[in-house]
Amino acid sequence: MNLQEFPIDQAIDLPPMGSWPQTTHVFDEQSVYAIKAALAAQRPLLVRGEPGTGKSQLARAAAHVLGRLFVSEVVHARSESQDLQWHFDAVGRLGEAQALAAGGSRDVEEALDPRLYLSPGALWWVFDWTSADTQFHRCRRALRRPEQPPTWRPEQGSVLLIDEIDKAEADLPNGLLETLGNGAFSVPYLDEAVGLASNTPPPLVVITTNEERELPGAFVRRCLVLHLKLPKDKGPLVKWLTTRGEHHFGDQCSAKVRREAANQLWQDRQEAEKVGACPPGQAEYLDMLRAVCAMAKEEAKQLEILEKISDFALKKFSTEL
């Protein structure tokens, strides 16, 4: 794999996939080297940065360019490390047991076989697609099967996105570190552990954080870390955003409209920082341009609309100290 396989500073179109909409991504050189280093070192890539900088989309775009399966898992406050490995439907099994106790005629041992209520998690899919697929079809209430590209095969590998890991307690990143380090995990009710299949390369694991909670030091040290930051100075920021706007919307809006939107975002970032609020970023900028392009086609009208809607798109904080 060489650097030229990734189109740097060029827009690539990402087709819709599951709940992910069609969009455009632009790799910079730093992100490309980070991805390649994580693949070579076989370590997770922890992506830091404020919301709206494209942290999650980076994983999806990497999977697209590399021709790998894309699997994503969004972490929440109640997530545990086990949830990334497997899920057990204890409620469904209890309901079946109660139905049988009420007079069902089915074989109890067969009906309550724990494997019928065991669903593969994200790590299971990226470690061993074949066994995960077998278990998925065995389970009566399997949660979700990742979308499989038509021509993809397990030997092509996968990219696993673990989104917003900072929302979970420390046991989740610590458990994830142990699983990735061992290359396997045990599953109750099965006779053997789930590990990386012989014909499957190690997954590229991309982990994002919005810095809402400090991550365990031991976990961070075992990751490669990529910081996605917007330019701090006005000139570079306006230029960077204007270029991104062109990649996403082409000639739907002029350079003047894109620059004006970027100038407005710069101003609102300064105001947000004064009140200690999360500043608007690339996501808000693209949302604003998307709205303008949908509402008008002529430059003059777009500039007029831009002035009227910027407060709704950018000022998502209270101005009262």
C-alpha atoms as a PDB file:
ATOM      1  CA  MET A   1       0.000   0.000   0.000  1.00  0.00           C
ATOM      2  CA  ASN A   2       1.464   3.369  -0.938  1.00  0.00           C
ATOM      3  CA  LEU A   3       0.478   6.926  -0.239  1.00  0.00           C
ATOM      4  CA  GLN A   4      -0.884   7.473  -3.738  1.00  0.00           C
ATOM      5  CA  GLU A   5      -3.730   5.036  -3.119  1.00  0.00           C
ATOM      6  CA  PHE A   6      -5.395   7.714  -1.004  1.00  0.00           C
ATOM      7  CA  PRO A   7      -6.553  10.778  -2.976  1.00  0.00           C
ATOM      8  CA  ILE A   8      -5.162  13.658  -0.911  1.00  0.00           C
ATOM      9  CA  ASP A   9      -6.981  17.023  -1.045  1.00  0.00           C
ATOM     10  CA  GLN A  10      -9.445  15.617  -3.553  1.00  0.00           C
ATOM     11  CA  ALA A  11     -13.154  15.044  -3.023  1.00  0.00           C
ATOM     12  CA  ILE A  12     -14.305  11.436  -2.993  1.00  0.00           C
ATOM     13  CA  ASP A  13     -17.984  10.549  -3.102  1.00  0.00           C
ATOM     14  CA  LEU A  14     -19.231   8.218  -0.392  1.00  0.00           C
ATOM     15  CA  PRO A  15     -22.430   6.366  -1.382  1.00  0.00           C
ATOM     16  CA  PRO A  16     -25.280   5.959   1.115  1.00  0.00           C
ATOM     17  CA  MET A  17     -24.816   3.041   3.499  1.00  0.00           C
ATOM     18  CA  GLY A  18     -27.411   2.033   6.079  1.00  0.00           C
ATOM     19  CA  SER A  19     -28.204   5.136   8.116  1.00  0.00           C
ATOM     20  CA  TRP A  20     -25.212   6.986   6.636  1.00  0.00           C
ATOM     21  CA  PRO A  21     -26.248   9.422   3.883  1.00  0.00           C
ATOM     22  CA  GLN A  22     -24.432  10.081   0.642  1.00  0.00           C
ATOM     23  CA  THR A  23     -21.691  12.637   1.210  1.00  0.00           C
ATOM     24  CA  THR A  24     -18.226  13.810   0.193  1.00  0.00           C
ATOM     25  CA  HIS A  25     -14.923  13.406   2.023  1.00  0.00           C
ATOM     26  CA  VAL A  26     -11.525  15.030   1.538  1.00  0.00           C
ATOM     27  CA  PHE A  27      -8.413  13.373   2.986  1.00  0.00           C
ATOM     28  CA  ASP A  28      -5.493  15.523   4.067  1.00  0.00           C
ATOM     29  CA  GLU A  29      -1.953  14.173   4.167  1.00  0.00           C
ATOM     30  CA  GLN A  30      -1.860  13.981   7.974  1.00  0.00           C
ATOM     31  CA  SER A  31      -4.967  11.790   8.125  1.00  0.00           C
ATOM     32  CA  VAL A  32      -3.647   9.475   5.421  1.00  0.00           C
ATOM     33  CA  TYR A  33      -0.366   8.922   7.264  1.00  0.00           C
ATOM     34  CA  ALA A  34      -2.257   8.312  10.515  1.00  0.00           C
ATOM     35  CA  ILE A  35      -4.421   5.644   8.880  1.00  0.00           C
ATOM     36  CA  LYS A  36      -1.460   3.930   7.275  1.00  0.00           C
ATOM     37  CA  ALA A  37       0.519   4.008  10.507  1.00  0.00           C
ATOM     38  CA  ALA A  38      -2.392   2.461  12.438  1.00  0.00           C
ATOM     39  CA  LEU A  39      -2.683  -0.295   9.841  1.00  0.00           C
ATOM     40  CA  ALA A  40       1.057  -1.006   9.916  1.00  0.00           C
ATOM     41  CA  ALA A  41       1.321  -0.940  13.716  1.00  0.00           C
ATOM     42  CA  GLN A  42      -1.969  -2.857  14.144  1.00  0.00           C
ATOM     43  CA  ARG A  43      -3.055  -0.341  16.766  1.00  0.00           C
ATOM     44  CA  PRO A  44      -6.315   1.598  17.162  1.00  0.00           C
ATOM     45  CA  LEU A  45      -6.426   5.114  15.764  1.00  0.00           C
ATOM     46  CA  LEU A  46      -7.889   7.509  18.334  1.00  0.00           C
ATOM     47  CA  VAL A  47      -9.261  10.603  16.598  1.00  0.00           C
ATOM     48  CA  ARG A  48      -9.617  13.705  18.739  1.00  0.00           C
ATOM     49  CA  GLY A  49     -11.278  16.960  17.790  1.00  0.00           C
ATOM     50  CA  GLU A  50     -14.257  19.207  18.315  1.00  0.00           C
ATOM     51  CA  PRO A  51     -17.648  18.083  16.968  1.00  0.00           C
ATOM     52  CA  GLY A  52     -18.151  18.547  13.248  1.00  0.00           C
ATOM     53  CA  THR A  53     -14.544  18.065  12.135  1.00  0.00           C
ATOM     54  CA  GLY A  54     -15.235  14.800  10.272  1.00  0.00           C
ATOM     55  CA  LYS A  55     -13.908  12.327  12.850  1.00  0.00           C
ATOM     56  CA  SER A  56     -16.553   9.657  12.241  1.00  0.00           C
ATOM     57  CA  GLN A  57     -16.609  10.126   8.478  1.00  0.00           C
ATOM     58  CA  LEU A  58     -12.854   9.514   8.364  1.00  0.00           C
ATOM     59  CA  ALA A  59     -13.414   5.833   9.208  1.00  0.00           C
ATOM     60  CA  ARG A  60     -16.123   5.398   6.603  1.00  0.00           C
ATOM     61  CA  ALA A  61     -13.999   7.099   3.948  1.00  0.00           C
ATOM     62  CA  ALA A  62     -11.004   4.912   4.820  1.00  0.00           C
ATOM     63  CA  ALA A  63     -13.123   1.783   4.411  1.00  0.00           C
ATOM     64  CA  HIS A  64     -14.341   3.045   1.031  1.00  0.00           C
ATOM     65  CA  VAL A  65     -10.834   3.740  -0.298  1.00  0.00           C
ATOM     66  CA  LEU A  66      -9.351   0.523   1.106  1.00  0.00           C
ATOM     67  CA  GLY A  67     -12.228  -1.626  -0.164  1.00  0.00           C
ATOM     68  CA  ARG A  68     -12.947  -2.872   3.350  1.00  0.00           C
ATOM     69  CA  LEU A  69     -16.146  -3.678   5.205  1.00  0.00           C
ATOM     70  CA  PHE A  70     -17.365  -0.753   7.335  1.00  0.00           C
ATOM     71  CA  VAL A  71     -18.816  -1.539  10.767  1.00  0.00           C
ATOM     72  CA  SER A  72     -19.813   1.191  13.225  1.00  0.00           C
ATOM     73  CA  GLU A  73     -20.852   1.226  16.861  1.00  0.00           C
ATOM     74  CA  VAL A  74     -22.011   4.358  18.693  1.00  0.00           C
ATOM     75  CA  VAL A  75     -21.133   4.369  22.385  1.00  0.00           C
ATOM     76  CA  HIS A  76     -23.521   5.730  25.015  1.00  0.00           C
ATOM     77  CA  ALA A  77     -23.418   6.197  28.782  1.00  0.00           C
ATOM     78  CA  ARG A  78     -24.627   2.655  29.495  1.00  0.00           C
ATOM     79  CA  SER A  79     -22.349   0.894  27.001  1.00  0.00           C
ATOM     80  CA  GLU A  80     -20.080  -1.835  28.338  1.00  0.00           C
ATOM     81  CA  SER A  81     -17.091  -3.524  26.717  1.00  0.00           C
ATOM     82  CA  GLN A  82     -19.137  -6.714  26.343  1.00  0.00           C
ATOM     83  CA  ASP A  83     -21.582  -4.857  24.076  1.00  0.00           C
ATOM     84  CA  LEU A  84     -18.854  -4.586  21.439  1.00  0.00           C
ATOM     85  CA  GLN A  85     -18.436  -8.377  21.501  1.00  0.00           C
ATOM     86  CA  TRP A  86     -21.874  -9.930  21.871  1.00  0.00           C
ATOM     87  CA  HIS A  87     -25.408  -9.328  23.144  1.00  0.00           C
ATOM     88  CA  PHE A  88     -27.597 -11.772  25.028  1.00  0.00           C
ATOM     89  CA  ASP A  89     -31.395 -11.433  24.944  1.00  0.00           C
ATOM     90  CA  ALA A  90     -32.135 -12.450  28.521  1.00  0.00           C
ATOM     91  CA  VAL A  91     -35.600 -10.878  28.405  1.00  0.00           C
ATOM     92  CA  GLY A  92     -36.569 -12.843  25.292  1.00  0.00           C
ATOM     93  CA  ARG A  93     -35.334 -16.092  26.816  1.00  0.00           C
ATOM     94  CA  LEU A  94     -37.259 -15.422  30.020  1.00  0.00           C
ATOM     95  CA  GLY A  95     -40.418 -14.766  28.017  1.00  0.00           C
ATOM     96  CA  GLU A  96     -39.968 -18.050  26.169  1.00  0.00           C
ATOM     97  CA  ALA A  97     -39.472 -19.876  29.459  1.00  0.00           C
ATOM     98  CA  GLN A  98     -42.669 -18.386  30.856  1.00  0.00           C
ATOM     99  CA  ALA A  99     -44.583 -19.382  27.730  1.00  0.00           C
ATOM    100  CA  LEU A 100     -43.327 -22.942  28.019  1.00  0.00           C
ATOM    101  CA  ALA A 101     -44.220 -23.068  31.694  1.00  0.00           C
ATOM    102  CA  ALA A 102     -47.763 -22.035  30.778  1.00  0.00           C
ATOM    103  CA  GLY A 103     -48.276 -25.207  28.820  1.00  0.00           C
ATOM    104  CA  GLY A 104     -46.135 -25.147  25.709  1.00  0.00           C
ATOM    105  CA  SER A 105     -45.412 -28.527  24.184  1.00  0.00           C
ATOM    106  CA  ARG A 106     -42.020 -27.741  22.663  1.00  0.00           C
ATOM    107  CA  ASP A 107     -38.824 -29.308  23.905  1.00  0.00           C
ATOM    108  CA  VAL A 108     -37.725 -27.036  26.754  1.00  0.00           C
ATOM    109  CA  GLU A 109     -33.999 -27.629  26.448  1.00  0.00           C
ATOM    110  CA  GLU A 110     -34.034 -26.953  22.713  1.00  0.00           C
ATOM    111  CA  ALA A 111     -36.263 -23.882  22.983  1.00  0.00           C
ATOM    112  CA  LEU A 112     -34.128 -22.332  25.723  1.00  0.00           C
ATOM    113  CA  ASP A 113     -30.759 -23.059  24.134  1.00  0.00           C
ATOM    114  CA  PRO A 114     -28.763 -19.900  25.030  1.00  0.00           C
ATOM    115  CA  ARG A 115     -27.249 -19.760  21.553  1.00  0.00           C
ATOM    116  CA  LEU A 116     -30.705 -18.921  20.190  1.00  0.00           C
ATOM    117  CA  TYR A 117     -30.571 -15.632  22.106  1.00  0.00           C
ATOM    118  CA  LEU A 118     -26.945 -14.715  21.423  1.00  0.00           C
ATOM    119  CA  SER A 119     -26.271 -11.964  18.877  1.00  0.00           C
ATOM    120  CA  PRO A 120     -22.817 -11.024  17.511  1.00  0.00           C
ATOM    121  CA  GLY A 121     -21.433  -7.572  18.304  1.00  0.00           C
ATOM    122  CA  ALA A 122     -19.245  -5.309  16.202  1.00  0.00           C
ATOM    123  CA  LEU A 123     -15.940  -6.935  17.203  1.00  0.00           C
ATOM    124  CA  TRP A 124     -17.276 -10.375  16.371  1.00  0.00           C
ATOM    125  CA  TRP A 125     -18.185  -9.231  12.846  1.00  0.00           C
ATOM    126  CA  VAL A 126     -14.745  -7.729  12.131  1.00  0.00           C
ATOM    127  CA  PHE A 127     -12.821 -10.629  13.713  1.00  0.00           C
ATOM    128  CA  ASP A 128     -14.683 -13.495  12.085  1.00  0.00           C
ATOM    129  CA  TRP A 129     -17.421 -12.596   9.614  1.00  0.00           C
ATOM    130  CA  THR A 130     -18.316 -16.203   8.811  1.00  0.00           C
ATOM    131  CA  SER A 131     -18.928 -17.323  12.388  1.00  0.00           C
ATOM    132  CA  ALA A 132     -20.717 -14.051  13.190  1.00  0.00           C
ATOM    133  CA  ASP A 133     -23.010 -14.567  10.200  1.00  0.00           C
ATOM    134  CA  THR A 134     -23.708 -18.145  11.285  1.00  0.00           C
ATOM    135  CA  GLN A 135     -24.592 -16.990  14.790  1.00  0.00           C
ATOM    136  CA  PHE A 136     -26.683 -14.116  13.425  1.00  0.00           C
ATOM    137  CA  HIS A 137     -28.921 -16.523  11.521  1.00  0.00           C
ATOM    138  CA  ARG A 138     -29.098 -18.895  14.489  1.00  0.00           C
ATOM    139  CA  CYS A 139     -30.232 -16.151  16.872  1.00  0.00           C
ATOM    140  CA  ARG A 140     -33.981 -15.572  17.032  1.00  0.00           C
ATOM    141  CA  ARG A 141     -33.690 -11.842  17.704  1.00  0.00           C
ATOM    142  CA  ALA A 142     -30.330 -10.813  16.306  1.00  0.00           C
ATOM    143  CA  LEU A 143     -29.754  -7.090  16.628  1.00  0.00           C
ATOM    144  CA  ARG A 144     -28.052  -5.967  13.435  1.00  0.00           C
ATOM    145  CA  ARG A 145     -26.061  -7.338  10.537  1.00  0.00           C
ATOM    146  CA  PRO A 146     -23.569  -4.884   9.000  1.00  0.00           C
ATOM    147  CA  GLU A 147     -24.248  -3.932   5.410  1.00  0.00           C
ATOM    148  CA  GLN A 148     -22.009  -6.113   3.253  1.00  0.00           C
ATOM    149  CA  PRO A 149     -20.771  -4.588  -0.023  1.00  0.00           C
ATOM    150  CA  PRO A 150     -21.742  -6.838  -2.954  1.00  0.00           C
ATOM    151  CA  THR A 151     -18.171  -7.741  -3.947  1.00  0.00           C
ATOM    152  CA  TRP A 152     -16.589  -7.732  -0.462  1.00  0.00           C
ATOM    153  CA  ARG A 153     -14.947 -10.847   0.961  1.00  0.00           C
ATOM    154  CA  PRO A 154     -13.631 -11.384   4.532  1.00  0.00           C
ATOM    155  CA  GLU A 155     -10.032 -11.572   3.324  1.00  0.00           C
ATOM    156  CA  GLN A 156     -10.301  -7.913   2.266  1.00  0.00           C
ATOM    157  CA  GLY A 157     -10.566  -6.852   5.904  1.00  0.00           C
ATOM    158  CA  SER A 158     -12.691  -4.301   7.689  1.00  0.00           C
ATOM    159  CA  VAL A 159     -12.755  -0.906   9.359  1.00  0.00           C
ATOM    160  CA  LEU A 160     -14.447  -0.673  12.755  1.00  0.00           C
ATOM    161  CA  LEU A 161     -15.639   2.739  13.948  1.00  0.00           C
ATOM    162  CA  ILE A 162     -16.226   3.074  17.691  1.00  0.00           C
ATOM    163  CA  ASP A 163     -17.874   6.468  17.924  1.00  0.00           C
ATOM    164  CA  GLU A 164     -17.812   8.797  20.960  1.00  0.00           C
ATOM    165  CA  ILE A 165     -15.991   6.448  23.314  1.00  0.00           C
ATOM    166  CA  ASP A 166     -15.699   9.238  25.880  1.00  0.00           C
ATOM    167  CA  LYS A 167     -19.384   8.774  26.743  1.00  0.00           C
ATOM    168  CA  ALA A 168     -18.673   5.389  28.364  1.00  0.00           C
ATOM    169  CA  GLU A 169     -17.134   4.492  31.702  1.00  0.00           C
ATOM    170  CA  ALA A 170     -13.443   3.553  31.863  1.00  0.00           C
ATOM    171  CA  ASP A 171     -14.137  -0.183  31.739  1.00  0.00           C
ATOM    172  CA  LEU A 172     -15.146   0.022  28.072  1.00  0.00           C
ATOM    173  CA  PRO A 173     -11.864   1.419  26.664  1.00  0.00           C
ATOM    174  CA  ASN A 174      -9.909  -0.816  29.030  1.00  0.00           C
ATOM    175  CA  GLY A 175     -11.888  -3.871  27.929  1.00  0.00           C
ATOM    176  CA  LEU A 176     -11.489  -2.907  24.287  1.00  0.00           C
ATOM    177  CA  LEU A 177      -7.730  -2.606  24.763  1.00  0.00           C
ATOM    178  CA  GLU A 178      -7.588  -6.103  26.234  1.00  0.00           C
ATOM    179  CA  THR A 179      -9.667  -7.590  23.408  1.00  0.00           C
ATOM    180  CA  LEU A 180      -7.608  -5.958  20.664  1.00  0.00           C
ATOM    181  CA  GLY A 181      -4.385  -6.916  22.410  1.00  0.00           C
ATOM    182  CA  ASN A 182      -5.436 -10.575  22.684  1.00  0.00           C
ATOM    183  CA  GLY A 183      -6.985 -10.655  19.235  1.00  0.00           C
ATOM    184  CA  ALA A 184      -9.830 -12.716  20.690  1.00  0.00           C
ATOM    185  CA  PHE A 185     -12.575 -12.737  23.315  1.00  0.00           C
ATOM    186  CA  SER A 186     -14.597 -15.416  25.049  1.00  0.00           C
ATOM    187  CA  VAL A 187     -18.337 -15.778  24.570  1.00  0.00           C
ATOM    188  CA  PRO A 188     -20.518 -17.576  27.120  1.00  0.00           C
ATOM    189  CA  TYR A 189     -22.439 -20.560  25.768  1.00  0.00           C
ATOM    190  CA  LEU A 190     -19.825 -21.245  23.065  1.00  0.00           C
ATOM    191  CA  ASP A 191     -17.157 -23.928  23.321  1.00  0.00           C
ATOM    192  CA  GLU A 192     -14.366 -21.735  21.948  1.00  0.00           C
ATOM    193  CA  ALA A 193     -13.293 -18.110  21.898  1.00  0.00           C
ATOM    194  CA  VAL A 194     -13.947 -15.792  18.976  1.00  0.00           C
ATOM    195  CA  GLY A 195     -10.688 -14.696  17.378  1.00  0.00           C
ATOM    196  CA  LEU A 196      -9.375 -13.286  14.146  1.00  0.00           C
ATOM    197  CA  ALA A 197     -10.194 -15.736  11.360  1.00  0.00           C
ATOM    198  CA  SER A 198      -7.232 -17.227   9.522  1.00  0.00           C
ATOM    199  CA  ASN A 199      -8.120 -15.556   6.218  1.00  0.00           C
ATOM    200  CA  THR A 200      -8.900 -12.150   7.746  1.00  0.00           C
ATOM    201  CA  PRO A 201      -6.421  -9.259   8.233  1.00  0.00           C
ATOM    202  CA  PRO A 202      -6.568  -7.326  11.525  1.00  0.00           C
ATOM    203  CA  PRO A 203      -9.270  -4.646  11.385  1.00  0.00           C
ATOM    204  CA  LEU A 204      -8.475  -0.974  11.241  1.00  0.00           C
ATOM    205  CA  VAL A 205     -10.099   0.321  14.439  1.00  0.00           C
ATOM    206  CA  VAL A 206     -10.952   4.032  14.459  1.00  0.00           C
ATOM    207  CA  ILE A 207     -12.118   5.481  17.778  1.00  0.00           C
ATOM    208  CA  THR A 208     -13.505   8.988  18.176  1.00  0.00           C
ATOM    209  CA  THR A 209     -13.780  11.210  21.224  1.00  0.00           C
ATOM    210  CA  ASN A 210     -15.338  14.617  21.783  1.00  0.00           C
ATOM    211  CA  GLU A 211     -13.311  15.002  25.005  1.00  0.00           C
ATOM    212  CA  GLU A 212     -16.401  14.958  27.235  1.00  0.00           C
ATOM    213  CA  ARG A 213     -14.613  12.587  29.619  1.00  0.00           C
ATOM    214  CA  GLU A 214     -10.919  11.874  30.112  1.00  0.00           C
ATOM    215  CA  LEU A 215      -9.871   8.515  28.727  1.00  0.00           C
ATOM    216  CA  PRO A 216      -7.672   6.106  30.723  1.00  0.00           C
ATOM    217  CA  GLY A 217      -3.998   6.873  30.232  1.00  0.00           C
ATOM    218  CA  ALA A 218      -3.093   3.249  29.544  1.00  0.00           C
ATOM    219  CA  PHE A 219      -5.673   3.131  26.769  1.00  0.00           C
ATOM    220  CA  VAL A 220      -4.470   6.326  25.084  1.00  0.00           C
ATOM    221  CA  ARG A 221      -0.857   5.146  25.178  1.00  0.00           C
ATOM    222  CA  ARG A 222      -1.749   2.021  23.210  1.00  0.00           C
ATOM    223  CA  CYS A 223      -3.429   4.052  20.461  1.00  0.00           C
ATOM    224  CA  LEU A 224      -2.093   6.176  17.668  1.00  0.00           C
ATOM    225  CA  VAL A 225      -3.669   9.611  18.099  1.00  0.00           C
ATOM    226  CA  LEU A 226      -4.833  11.940  15.344  1.00  0.00           C
ATOM    227  CA  HIS A 227      -5.898  15.487  16.241  1.00  0.00           C
ATOM    228  CA  LEU A 228      -8.372  16.995  13.782  1.00  0.00           C
ATOM    229  CA  LYS A 229      -8.293  20.746  14.251  1.00  0.00           C
ATOM    230  CA  LEU A 230      -9.670  23.677  12.346  1.00  0.00           C
ATOM    231  CA  PRO A 231      -7.156  26.448  11.546  1.00  0.00           C
ATOM    232  CA  LYS A 232      -6.991  28.973  14.382  1.00  0.00           C
ATOM    233  CA  ASP A 233      -6.341  32.124  12.343  1.00  0.00           C
ATOM    234  CA  LYS A 234      -9.071  33.735  10.284  1.00  0.00           C
ATOM    235  CA  GLY A 235      -7.343  33.717   6.901  1.00  0.00           C
ATOM    236  CA  PRO A 236      -6.406  30.015   6.860  1.00  0.00           C
ATOM    237  CA  LEU A 237      -9.782  29.034   8.327  1.00  0.00           C
ATOM    238  CA  VAL A 238     -11.773  30.950   5.700  1.00  0.00           C
ATOM    239  CA  LYS A 239      -9.621  29.504   2.912  1.00  0.00           C
ATOM    240  CA  TRP A 240      -9.937  25.961   4.281  1.00  0.00           C
ATOM    241  CA  LEU A 241     -13.720  26.167   4.664  1.00  0.00           C
ATOM    242  CA  THR A 242     -14.175  27.783   1.248  1.00  0.00           C
ATOM    243  CA  THR A 243     -12.296  24.903  -0.362  1.00  0.00           C
ATOM    244  CA  ARG A 244     -14.371  22.331   1.534  1.00  0.00           C
ATOM    245  CA  GLY A 245     -17.521  24.113   0.423  1.00  0.00           C
ATOM    246  CA  GLU A 246     -16.419  23.862  -3.204  1.00  0.00           C
ATOM    247  CA  HIS A 247     -15.749  20.117  -2.830  1.00  0.00           C
ATOM    248  CA  HIS A 248     -19.250  19.552  -1.439  1.00  0.00           C
ATOM    249  CA  PHE A 249     -21.358  21.914  -3.520  1.00  0.00           C
ATOM    250  CA  GLY A 250     -19.343  22.695  -6.636  1.00  0.00           C
ATOM    251  CA  ASP A 251     -20.959  25.448  -8.701  1.00  0.00           C
ATOM    252  CA  GLN A 252     -24.214  25.411  -6.703  1.00  0.00           C
ATOM    253  CA  CYS A 253     -22.862  28.449  -4.873  1.00  0.00           C
ATOM    254  CA  SER A 254     -20.126  30.892  -5.809  1.00  0.00           C
ATOM    255  CA  ALA A 255     -16.786  31.429  -4.083  1.00  0.00           C
ATOM    256  CA  LYS A 256     -18.156  34.723  -2.772  1.00  0.00           C
ATOM    257  CA  VAL A 257     -21.043  32.956  -1.034  1.00  0.00           C
ATOM    258  CA  ARG A 258     -18.724  30.324   0.402  1.00  0.00           C
ATOM    259  CA  ARG A 259     -16.318  32.971   1.701  1.00  0.00           C
ATOM    260  CA  GLU A 260     -19.103  35.005   3.260  1.00  0.00           C
ATOM    261  CA  ALA A 261     -20.401  31.914   5.041  1.00  0.00           C
ATOM    262  CA  ALA A 262     -16.886  31.159   6.277  1.00  0.00           C
ATOM    263  CA  ASN A 263     -16.467  34.739   7.530  1.00  0.00           C
ATOM    264  CA  GLN A 264     -19.724  34.462   9.441  1.00  0.00           C
ATOM    265  CA  LEU A 265     -18.602  31.180  10.978  1.00  0.00           C
ATOM    266  CA  TRP A 266     -15.310  32.758  12.044  1.00  0.00           C
ATOM    267  CA  GLN A 267     -17.164  35.577  13.789  1.00  0.00           C
ATOM    268  CA  ASP A 268     -19.514  33.220  15.589  1.00  0.00           C
ATOM    269  CA  ARG A 269     -16.604  31.023  16.694  1.00  0.00           C
ATOM    270  CA  GLN A 270     -15.111  34.046  18.410  1.00  0.00           C
ATOM    271  CA  GLU A 271     -18.406  34.819  20.164  1.00  0.00           C
ATOM    272  CA  ALA A 272     -18.839  31.207  21.269  1.00  0.00           C
ATOM    273  CA  GLU A 273     -15.358  31.099  22.769  1.00  0.00           C
ATOM    274  CA  LYS A 274     -16.083  34.277  24.746  1.00  0.00           C
ATOM    275  CA  VAL A 275     -19.000  32.595  26.544  1.00  0.00           C
ATOM    276  CA  GLY A 276     -17.254  29.239  26.876  1.00  0.00           C
ATOM    277  CA  ALA A 277     -19.588  27.480  24.432  1.00  0.00           C
ATOM    278  CA  CYS A 278     -18.724  24.849  21.847  1.00  0.00           C
ATOM    279  CA  PRO A 279     -17.897  26.840  18.700  1.00  0.00           C
ATOM    280  CA  PRO A 280     -19.524  26.070  15.347  1.00  0.00           C
ATOM    281  CA  GLY A 281     -17.350  24.141  12.918  1.00  0.00           C
ATOM    282  CA  GLN A 282     -17.271  22.484   9.528  1.00  0.00           C
ATOM    283  CA  ALA A 283     -20.601  20.673  10.035  1.00  0.00           C
ATOM    284  CA  GLU A 284     -22.473  23.919  10.686  1.00  0.00           C
ATOM    285  CA  TYR A 285     -20.742  25.583   7.757  1.00  0.00           C
ATOM    286  CA  LEU A 286     -21.816  22.847   5.353  1.00  0.00           C
ATOM    287  CA  ASP A 287     -25.345  22.822   6.787  1.00  0.00           C
ATOM    288  CA  MET A 288     -25.614  26.548   6.146  1.00  0.00           C
ATOM    289  CA  LEU A 289     -24.415  26.228   2.553  1.00  0.00           C
ATOM    290  CA  ARG A 290     -26.731  23.276   1.962  1.00  0.00           C
ATOM    291  CA  ALA A 291     -29.698  25.370   3.105  1.00  0.00           C
ATOM    292  CA  VAL A 292     -28.660  28.335   0.967  1.00  0.00           C
ATOM    293  CA  CYS A 293     -28.231  26.187  -2.144  1.00  0.00           C
ATOM    294  CA  ALA A 294     -31.631  24.606  -1.609  1.00  0.00           C
ATOM    295  CA  MET A 295     -33.378  27.944  -1.084  1.00  0.00           C
ATOM    296  CA  ALA A 296     -31.926  29.954  -3.994  1.00  0.00           C
ATOM    297  CA  LYS A 297     -29.804  29.608  -7.113  1.00  0.00           C
ATOM    298  CA  GLU A 298     -28.694  33.187  -7.823  1.00  0.00           C
ATOM    299  CA  GLU A 299     -25.678  34.563  -5.984  1.00  0.00           C
ATOM    300  CA  ALA A 300     -27.369  37.773  -4.830  1.00  0.00           C
ATOM    301  CA  LYS A 301     -30.315  35.883  -3.402  1.00  0.00           C
ATOM    302  CA  GLN A 302     -28.024  33.344  -1.730  1.00  0.00           C
ATOM    303  CA  LEU A 303     -26.073  36.132  -0.026  1.00  0.00           C
ATOM    304  CA  GLU A 304     -29.331  37.670   1.174  1.00  0.00           C
ATOM    305  CA  ILE A 305     -30.542  34.350   2.565  1.00  0.00           C
ATOM    306  CA  LEU A 306     -27.155  33.652   4.128  1.00  0.00           C
ATOM    307  CA  GLU A 307     -27.401  36.797   6.220  1.00  0.00           C
ATOM    308  CA  LYS A 308     -30.886  35.892   7.404  1.00  0.00           C
ATOM    309  CA  ILE A 309     -30.241  32.264   8.370  1.00  0.00           C
ATOM    310  CA  SER A 310     -26.726  32.443   9.815  1.00  0.00           C
ATOM    311  CA  ASP A 311     -28.014  32.923  13.358  1.00  0.00           C
ATOM    312  CA  PHE A 312     -30.038  29.714  13.122  1.00  0.00           C
ATOM    313  CA  ALA A 313     -27.183  27.704  11.652  1.00  0.00           C
ATOM    314  CA  LEU A 314     -24.300  29.029  13.722  1.00  0.00           C
ATOM    315  CA  LYS A 315     -25.375  30.652  16.994  1.00  0.00           C
ATOM    316  CA  LYS A 316     -26.382  27.580  18.983  1.00  0.00           C
ATOM    317  CA  PHE A 317     -25.396  29.072  22.316  1.00  0.00           C
ATOM    318  CA  SER A 318     -26.787  31.595  24.750  1.00  0.00           C
ATOM    319  CA  THR A 319     -25.250  35.026  24.438  1.00  0.00           C
ATOM    320  CA  GLU A 320     -26.125  35.815  28.060  1.00  0.00           C
ATOM    321  CA  LEU A 321     -23.178  35.391  30.437  1.00  0.00           C
END
